[in-house]
Amino acid sequence: MNDIRLASWNVRKCVGLDRKRDPLRIVNGLNALAADVVVLQEADRRFGRRPAALPEWMIAGESDYAPVRVGRSEVSLGWHGNAVLLGPDTRCLDVEVMDLPGLEPRGAVIADIEKGDSKLRIVAVHLGLMTRSRVQQYHAIRAHLAVLEALPTVILGDFNEWGTGRGFPGLPDFEVHAPGATFHSSRPVAALDRIALSKAVRLEDAAVVETSLTKVASDHLPITARVSVAA
């Protein structure tokens, strides 16, 4: 078994609770996570051509992470704000993006990654605010995964789920974990950020990262998870 360290963070376009847009602060927070794979939400600005709020040149110059190129826009870091960063011992085998149904514009990035002898499919998401939209999005993701080559899979990101249950309509084959309350970072009360594991992936541990930096850098706290995949 090989362990892969995952992380997810809604970085709110790099605007902290002090109202300062500080992408370097976000990069410093990412460095402290020391993850093999990080998925980000709100990594791009919302309007126009959706330019990156977290510049790729800063990631390259101030960290060991490398963004997975989604290939849809030369000015964006991600797709609908969803970005995937890889650590130095992890490589991307394939990547695609998909639009998600619902009242709001939403999307997902699907990246097949490899670390050592382990391969893992990462589905990076920022799901809708409305329950009906999220249910549609769960079904759309599962239907899309069903036509792909089978791989151990993790769905990771901001689920926007305020409930406490593990059962999710549309994801019957996944076990959903909430490491803890992540929102609002100044006084966390809701576990919006979660990880869903297919049966071939085992959760070893997971946590919410609450530090002096993460409590001010965004309105969400990041989560980390260590998973194991059969080699």
Foldseek 3Di string as FASTA:
>chain_A
DDKFKEKEEAQQLQQWPVRDRDLLLVLVVVQVSPGQKYKYAQQFDQDDLGAGSNDQVCNVVPHQKHKDDQPDGPRYQDDNRITMIGHPQKDWDDKYKAWADDDDTWIWIWTWMDGDPAIEIEIETAFDQDLVRLLRRLQVVVVVQVPDDDHWYKYWYFSNDQDDDQDDRSPPQWGKDQQDFWAQLLDGDGSRTIMITGPQKAWPHKHWDRDPSQSTRHRTTMMMTMMDGDD
